[in-house]
PDB file of N, CA and C in Angstrom:
ATOM      1  N   MET A   1       0.838  -1.155   0.000  1.00  0.00           N
ATOM      2  CA  MET A   1       0.000   0.000   0.000  1.00  0.00           C
ATOM      3  C   MET A   1       0.895   1.233   0.000  1.00  0.00           C
ATOM      4  N   VAL A   2       0.539   2.200  -0.815  1.00  0.00           N
ATOM      5  CA  VAL A   2       1.232   3.473  -0.871  1.00  0.00           C
ATOM      6  C   VAL A   2       0.202   4.540  -0.533  1.00  0.00           C
ATOM      7  N   ALA A   3       0.475   5.288   0.525  1.00  0.00           N
ATOM      8  CA  ALA A   3      -0.483   6.301   0.970  1.00  0.00           C
ATOM      9  C   ALA A   3       0.243   7.590   1.329  1.00  0.00           C
ATOM     10  N   GLU A   4      -0.461   8.703   1.159  1.00  0.00           N
ATOM     11  CA  GLU A   4       0.074   9.986   1.588  1.00  0.00           C
ATOM     12  C   GLU A   4       0.048  10.047   3.110  1.00  0.00           C
ATOM     13  N   ARG A   5       0.823  10.939   3.667  1.00  0.00           N
ATOM     14  CA  ARG A   5       0.857  11.070   5.124  1.00  0.00           C
ATOM     15  C   ARG A   5      -0.499  11.442   5.709  1.00  0.00           C
ATOM     16  N   ASP A   6      -1.317  12.161   4.912  1.00  0.00           N
ATOM     17  CA  ASP A   6      -2.648  12.537   5.408  1.00  0.00           C
ATOM     18  C   ASP A   6      -3.663  11.418   5.260  1.00  0.00           C
ATOM     19  N   GLY A   7      -3.256  10.282   4.672  1.00  0.00           N
ATOM     20  CA  GLY A   7      -4.105   9.120   4.636  1.00  0.00           C
ATOM     21  C   GLY A   7      -4.589   8.649   3.290  1.00  0.00           C
ATOM     22  N   ARG A   8      -4.637   9.504   2.268  1.00  0.00           N
ATOM     23  CA  ARG A   8      -5.164   9.108   0.960  1.00  0.00           C
ATOM     24  C   ARG A   8      -4.311   7.999   0.350  1.00  0.00           C
ATOM     25  N   VAL A   9      -4.956   6.930  -0.125  1.00  0.00           N
ATOM     26  CA  VAL A   9      -4.254   5.807  -0.732  1.00  0.00           C
ATOM     27  C   VAL A   9      -3.922   6.160  -2.178  1.00  0.00           C
ATOM     28  N   LEU A  10      -2.639   6.070  -2.522  1.00  0.00           N
ATOM     29  CA  LEU A  10      -2.183   6.414  -3.867  1.00  0.00           C
ATOM     30  C   LEU A  10      -2.091   5.209  -4.782  1.00  0.00           C
ATOM     31  N   GLY A  11      -1.791   4.053  -4.220  1.00  0.00           N
ATOM     32  CA  GLY A  11      -1.645   2.860  -5.043  1.00  0.00           C
ATOM     33  C   GLY A  11      -1.446   1.614  -4.203  1.00  0.00           C
ATOM     34  N   VAL A  12      -1.539   0.487  -4.881  1.00  0.00           N
ATOM     35  CA  VAL A  12      -1.386  -0.811  -4.233  1.00  0.00           C
ATOM     36  C   VAL A  12      -0.537  -1.685  -5.147  1.00  0.00           C
ATOM     37  N   HIS A  13       0.439  -2.359  -4.562  1.00  0.00           N
ATOM     38  CA  HIS A  13       1.280  -3.289  -5.302  1.00  0.00           C
ATOM     39  C   HIS A  13       1.067  -4.670  -4.707  1.00  0.00           C
ATOM     40  N   LEU A  14       0.714  -5.635  -5.547  1.00  0.00           N
ATOM     41  CA  LEU A  14       0.506  -7.007  -5.100  1.00  0.00           C
ATOM     42  C   LEU A  14       1.364  -7.932  -5.954  1.00  0.00           C
ATOM     43  N   VAL A  15       2.083  -8.845  -5.310  1.00  0.00           N
ATOM     44  CA  VAL A  15       2.925  -9.796  -6.013  1.00  0.00           C
ATOM     45  C   VAL A  15       2.712 -11.168  -5.400  1.00  0.00           C
ATOM     46  N   GLY A  16       2.545 -12.174  -6.216  1.00  0.00           N
ATOM     47  CA  GLY A  16       2.437 -13.534  -5.714  1.00  0.00           C
ATOM     48  C   GLY A  16       1.250 -14.267  -6.296  1.00  0.00           C
ATOM     49  N   PRO A  17       1.132 -15.530  -5.896  1.00  0.00           N
ATOM     50  CA  PRO A  17       0.016 -16.325  -6.405  1.00  0.00           C
ATOM     51  C   PRO A  17      -1.320 -15.810  -5.871  1.00  0.00           C
ATOM     52  N   HIS A  18      -2.326 -15.883  -6.690  1.00  0.00           N
ATOM     53  CA  HIS A  18      -3.705 -15.552  -6.322  1.00  0.00           C
ATOM     54  C   HIS A  18      -3.954 -14.064  -6.060  1.00  0.00           C
ATOM     55  N   VAL A  19      -3.051 -13.178  -6.483  1.00  0.00           N
ATOM     56  CA  VAL A  19      -3.299 -11.747  -6.254  1.00  0.00           C
ATOM     57  C   VAL A  19      -4.498 -11.244  -7.058  1.00  0.00           C
ATOM     58  N   SER A  20      -4.850 -11.964  -8.108  1.00  0.00           N
ATOM     59  CA  SER A  20      -6.021 -11.543  -8.880  1.00  0.00           C
ATOM     60  C   SER A  20      -7.280 -11.592  -8.028  1.00  0.00           C
ATOM     61  N   GLU A  21      -7.267 -12.368  -6.939  1.00  0.00           N
ATOM     62  CA  GLU A  21      -8.404 -12.436  -6.034  1.00  0.00           C
ATOM     63  C   GLU A  21      -8.451 -11.242  -5.076  1.00  0.00           C
ATOM     64  N   MET A  22      -7.364 -10.478  -5.005  1.00  0.00           N
ATOM     65  CA  MET A  22      -7.289  -9.365  -4.059  1.00  0.00           C
ATOM     66  C   MET A  22      -7.283  -7.996  -4.723  1.00  0.00           C
ATOM     67  N   ILE A  23      -7.109  -7.936  -6.029  1.00  0.00           N
ATOM     68  CA  ILE A  23      -6.891  -6.650  -6.687  1.00  0.00           C
ATOM     69  C   ILE A  23      -8.164  -5.811  -6.821  1.00  0.00           C
ATOM     70  N   ALA A  24      -9.321  -6.428  -6.917  1.00  0.00           N
ATOM     71  CA  ALA A  24     -10.558  -5.669  -7.159  1.00  0.00           C
ATOM     72  C   ALA A  24     -10.830  -4.663  -6.046  1.00  0.00           C
ATOM     73  N   GLU A  25     -10.757  -5.101  -4.792  1.00  0.00           N
ATOM     74  CA  GLU A  25     -11.007  -4.182  -3.685  1.00  0.00           C
ATOM     75  C   GLU A  25      -9.983  -3.056  -3.674  1.00  0.00           C
ATOM     76  N   SER A  26      -8.731  -3.381  -3.923  1.00  0.00           N
ATOM     77  CA  SER A  26      -7.683  -2.359  -3.927  1.00  0.00           C
ATOM     78  C   SER A  26      -7.927  -1.329  -5.022  1.00  0.00           C
ATOM     79  N   GLN A  27      -8.358  -1.782  -6.193  1.00  0.00           N
ATOM     80  CA  GLN A  27      -8.630  -0.855  -7.293  1.00  0.00           C
ATOM     81  C   GLN A  27      -9.774   0.073  -6.930  1.00  0.00           C
ATOM     82  N   LEU A  28     -10.819  -0.450  -6.294  1.00  0.00           N
ATOM     83  CA  LEU A  28     -11.939   0.398  -5.888  1.00  0.00           C
ATOM     84  C   LEU A  28     -11.500   1.456  -4.881  1.00  0.00           C
ATOM     85  N   ILE A  29     -10.668   1.066  -3.951  1.00  0.00           N
ATOM     86  CA  ILE A  29     -10.206   1.990  -2.913  1.00  0.00           C
ATOM     87  C   ILE A  29      -9.388   3.120  -3.531  1.00  0.00           C
ATOM     88  N   VAL A  30      -8.480   2.776  -4.438  1.00  0.00           N
ATOM     89  CA  VAL A  30      -7.676   3.801  -5.095  1.00  0.00           C
ATOM     90  C   VAL A  30      -8.569   4.674  -5.976  1.00  0.00           C
ATOM     91  N   GLY A  31      -9.490   4.067  -6.706  1.00  0.00           N
ATOM     92  CA  GLY A  31     -10.380   4.812  -7.594  1.00  0.00           C
ATOM     93  C   GLY A  31     -11.309   5.761  -6.859  1.00  0.00           C
ATOM     94  N   TRP A  32     -11.679   5.424  -5.634  1.00  0.00           N
ATOM     95  CA  TRP A  32     -12.581   6.256  -4.840  1.00  0.00           C
ATOM     96  C   TRP A  32     -11.829   7.261  -3.971  1.00  0.00           C
ATOM     97  N   ASP A  33     -10.503   7.318  -4.080  1.00  0.00           N
ATOM     98  CA  ASP A  33      -9.691   8.192  -3.227  1.00  0.00           C
ATOM     99  C   ASP A  33      -9.990   7.940  -1.750  1.00  0.00           C
ATOM    100  N   ALA A  34     -10.144   6.685  -1.402  1.00  0.00           N
ATOM    101  CA  ALA A  34     -10.465   6.316  -0.019  1.00  0.00           C
ATOM    102  C   ALA A  34      -9.257   6.491   0.893  1.00  0.00           C
ATOM    103  N   GLU A  35      -9.540   6.598   2.163  1.00  0.00           N
ATOM    104  CA  GLU A  35      -8.502   6.621   3.181  1.00  0.00           C
ATOM    105  C   GLU A  35      -8.491   5.271   3.879  1.00  0.00           C
ATOM    106  N   PRO A  36      -7.347   4.874   4.436  1.00  0.00           N
ATOM    107  CA  PRO A  36      -7.286   3.576   5.110  1.00  0.00           C
ATOM    108  C   PRO A  36      -8.373   3.389   6.164  1.00  0.00           C
ATOM    109  N   SER A  37      -8.743   4.435   6.858  1.00  0.00           N
ATOM    110  CA  SER A  37      -9.787   4.306   7.879  1.00  0.00           C
ATOM    111  C   SER A  37     -11.147   3.967   7.261  1.00  0.00           C
ATOM    112  N   ASP A  38     -11.369   4.374   5.995  1.00  0.00           N
ATOM    113  CA  ASP A  38     -12.600   4.001   5.303  1.00  0.00           C
ATOM    114  C   ASP A  38     -12.676   2.497   5.093  1.00  0.00           C
ATOM    115  N   VAL A  39     -11.545   1.896   4.778  1.00  0.00           N
ATOM    116  CA  VAL A  39     -11.483   0.467   4.498  1.00  0.00           C
ATOM    117  C   VAL A  39     -11.617  -0.348   5.770  1.00  0.00           C
ATOM    118  N   ALA A  40     -11.231   0.222   6.887  1.00  0.00           N
ATOM    119  CA  ALA A  40     -11.282  -0.490   8.166  1.00  0.00           C
ATOM    120  C   ALA A  40     -12.701  -0.928   8.506  1.00  0.00           C
ATOM    121  N   HIS A  41     -13.696  -0.289   7.924  1.00  0.00           N
ATOM    122  CA  HIS A  41     -15.091  -0.633   8.203  1.00  0.00           C
ATOM    123  C   HIS A  41     -15.589  -1.794   7.344  1.00  0.00           C
ATOM    124  N   HIS A  42     -14.827  -2.196   6.332  1.00  0.00           N
ATOM    125  CA  HIS A  42     -15.232  -3.297   5.460  1.00  0.00           C
ATOM    126  C   HIS A  42     -14.967  -4.629   6.153  1.00  0.00           C
ATOM    127  N   VAL A  43     -15.734  -5.629   5.801  1.00  0.00           N
ATOM    128  CA  VAL A  43     -15.555  -6.974   6.347  1.00  0.00           C
ATOM    129  C   VAL A  43     -14.497  -7.713   5.527  1.00  0.00           C
ATOM    130  N   HIS A  44     -13.508  -8.257   6.217  1.00  0.00           N
ATOM    131  CA  HIS A  44     -12.476  -9.094   5.597  1.00  0.00           C
ATOM    132  C   HIS A  44     -12.451 -10.411   6.375  1.00  0.00           C
ATOM    133  N   PRO A  45     -13.218 -11.408   5.918  1.00  0.00           N
ATOM    134  CA  PRO A  45     -13.366 -12.639   6.677  1.00  0.00           C
ATOM    135  C   PRO A  45     -12.054 -13.397   6.854  1.00  0.00           C
ATOM    136  N   HIS A  46     -12.018 -14.175   7.896  1.00  0.00           N
ATOM    137  CA  HIS A  46     -10.844 -14.983   8.229  1.00  0.00           C
ATOM    138  C   HIS A  46     -11.222 -16.451   8.105  1.00  0.00           C
ATOM    139  N   PRO A  47     -10.434 -17.285   7.542  1.00  0.00           N
ATOM    140  CA  PRO A  47      -9.204 -17.013   6.798  1.00  0.00           C
ATOM    141  C   PRO A  47      -9.478 -16.858   5.302  1.00  0.00           C
ATOM    142  N   THR A  48      -9.098 -15.749   4.739  1.00  0.00           N
ATOM    143  CA  THR A  48      -9.217 -15.517   3.295  1.00  0.00           C
ATOM    144  C   THR A  48      -8.023 -14.681   2.839  1.00  0.00           C
ATOM    145  N   LEU A  49      -7.832 -14.632   1.539  1.00  0.00           N
ATOM    146  CA  LEU A  49      -6.774 -13.788   0.994  1.00  0.00           C
ATOM    147  C   LEU A  49      -7.102 -12.312   1.186  1.00  0.00           C
ATOM    148  N   SER A  50      -8.395 -11.969   1.120  1.00  0.00           N
ATOM    149  CA  SER A  50      -8.767 -10.563   1.281  1.00  0.00           C
ATOM    150  C   SER A  50      -8.442 -10.043   2.678  1.00  0.00           C
ATOM    151  N   GLU A  51      -8.287 -10.942   3.626  1.00  0.00           N
ATOM    152  CA  GLU A  51      -7.915 -10.532   4.980  1.00  0.00           C
ATOM    153  C   GLU A  51      -6.556  -9.823   4.981  1.00  0.00           C
ATOM    154  N   ALA A  52      -5.656 -10.245   4.105  1.00  0.00           N
ATOM    155  CA  ALA A  52      -4.345  -9.597   4.010  1.00  0.00           C
ATOM    156  C   ALA A  52      -4.479  -8.150   3.543  1.00  0.00           C
ATOM    157  N   VAL A  53      -5.373  -7.914   2.594  1.00  0.00           N
ATOM    158  CA  VAL A  53      -5.627  -6.549   2.120  1.00  0.00           C
ATOM    159  C   VAL A  53      -6.214  -5.720   3.259  1.00  0.00           C
ATOM    160  N   GLY A  54      -7.191  -6.269   3.945  1.00  0.00           N
ATOM    161  CA  GLY A  54      -7.806  -5.563   5.065  1.00  0.00           C
ATOM    162  C   GLY A  54      -6.815  -5.230   6.157  1.00  0.00           C
ATOM    163  N   GLU A  55      -5.938  -6.174   6.480  1.00  0.00           N
ATOM    164  CA  GLU A  55      -4.936  -5.951   7.524  1.00  0.00           C
ATOM    165  C   GLU A  55      -3.961  -4.847   7.120  1.00  0.00           C
ATOM    166  N   ALA A  56      -3.574  -4.821   5.854  1.00  0.00           N
ATOM    167  CA  ALA A  56      -2.657  -3.771   5.389  1.00  0.00           C
ATOM    168  C   ALA A  56      -3.298  -2.385   5.536  1.00  0.00           C
ATOM    169  N   PHE A  57      -4.566  -2.261   5.175  1.00  0.00           N
ATOM    170  CA  PHE A  57      -5.240  -0.975   5.319  1.00  0.00           C
ATOM    171  C   PHE A  57      -5.475  -0.624   6.784  1.00  0.00           C
ATOM    172  N   LEU A  58      -5.770  -1.613   7.616  1.00  0.00           N
ATOM    173  CA  LEU A  58      -5.892  -1.358   9.056  1.00  0.00           C
ATOM    174  C   LEU A  58      -4.576  -0.835   9.622  1.00  0.00           C
ATOM    175  N   THR A  59      -3.464  -1.398   9.174  1.00  0.00           N
ATOM    176  CA  THR A  59      -2.149  -0.948   9.636  1.00  0.00           C
ATOM    177  C   THR A  59      -1.908   0.497   9.232  1.00  0.00           C
ATOM    178  N   LEU A  60      -2.240   0.850   7.974  1.00  0.00           N
ATOM    179  CA  LEU A  60      -2.092   2.243   7.540  1.00  0.00           C
ATOM    180  C   LEU A  60      -2.969   3.179   8.363  1.00  0.00           C
ATOM    181  N   ALA A  61      -4.115   2.684   8.819  1.00  0.00           N
ATOM    182  CA  ALA A  61      -5.032   3.502   9.628  1.00  0.00           C
ATOM    183  C   ALA A  61      -4.624   3.517  11.097  1.00  0.00           C
ATOM    184  N   GLY A  62      -3.517   2.817  11.431  1.00  0.00           N
ATOM    185  CA  GLY A  62      -3.055   2.787  12.821  1.00  0.00           C
ATOM    186  C   GLY A  62      -3.833   1.814  13.695  1.00  0.00           C
ATOM    187  N   ARG A  63      -4.529   0.866  13.051  1.00  0.00           N
ATOM    188  CA  ARG A  63      -5.366  -0.068  13.804  1.00  0.00           C
ATOM    189  C   ARG A  63      -5.057  -1.521  13.471  1.00  0.00           C
ATOM    190  N   GLY A  64      -3.825  -1.820  13.033  1.00  0.00           N
ATOM    191  CA  GLY A  64      -3.470  -3.176  12.647  1.00  0.00           C
ATOM    192  C   GLY A  64      -3.673  -4.171  13.771  1.00  0.00           C
ATOM    193  N   LEU A  65      -4.223  -5.330  13.441  1.00  0.00           N
ATOM    194  CA  LEU A  65      -4.497  -6.340  14.450  1.00  0.00           C
ATOM    195  C   LEU A  65      -3.294  -7.224  14.745  1.00  0.00           C
ATOM    196  N   HIS A  66      -2.398  -7.364  13.796  1.00  0.00           N
ATOM    197  CA  HIS A  66      -1.288  -8.300  13.946  1.00  0.00           C
ATOM    198  C   HIS A  66       0.067  -7.592  13.912  1.00  0.00           C
ATOM    199  N   GLN A  67       0.139  -6.413  14.444  1.00  0.00           N
ATOM    200  CA  GLN A  67       1.375  -5.638  14.448  1.00  0.00           C
ATOM    201  C   GLN A  67       1.914  -5.522  15.869  1.00  0.00           C
ATOM    202  N   GLN A  68       3.218  -5.585  15.989  1.00  0.00           N
ATOM    203  CA  GLN A  68       3.839  -5.374  17.291  1.00  0.00           C
ATOM    204  C   GLN A  68       4.039  -3.880  17.519  1.00  0.00           C
ATOM    205  N   ALA A  69       3.905  -3.469  18.740  1.00  0.00           N
ATOM    206  CA  ALA A  69       4.084  -2.044  19.075  1.00  0.00           C
ATOM    207  C   ALA A  69       5.529  -1.640  18.997  1.00  0.00           C
TER     208      ALA A  69
END
């Protein structure tokens, strides 16, 4: 995830198998000029690949669930 300091998401880079399953949500977020906190309200079920996208946006919003302090 690439975001401005004020929060606006500028782009998303995904590499690896099955990224085609994760790109749609990222494209919508970039296209809507969303902020990471906007994405934090979306459901990202566990265990799924989309959970990784959700966790990355939660981290940008300062609310990551799996980050060490």
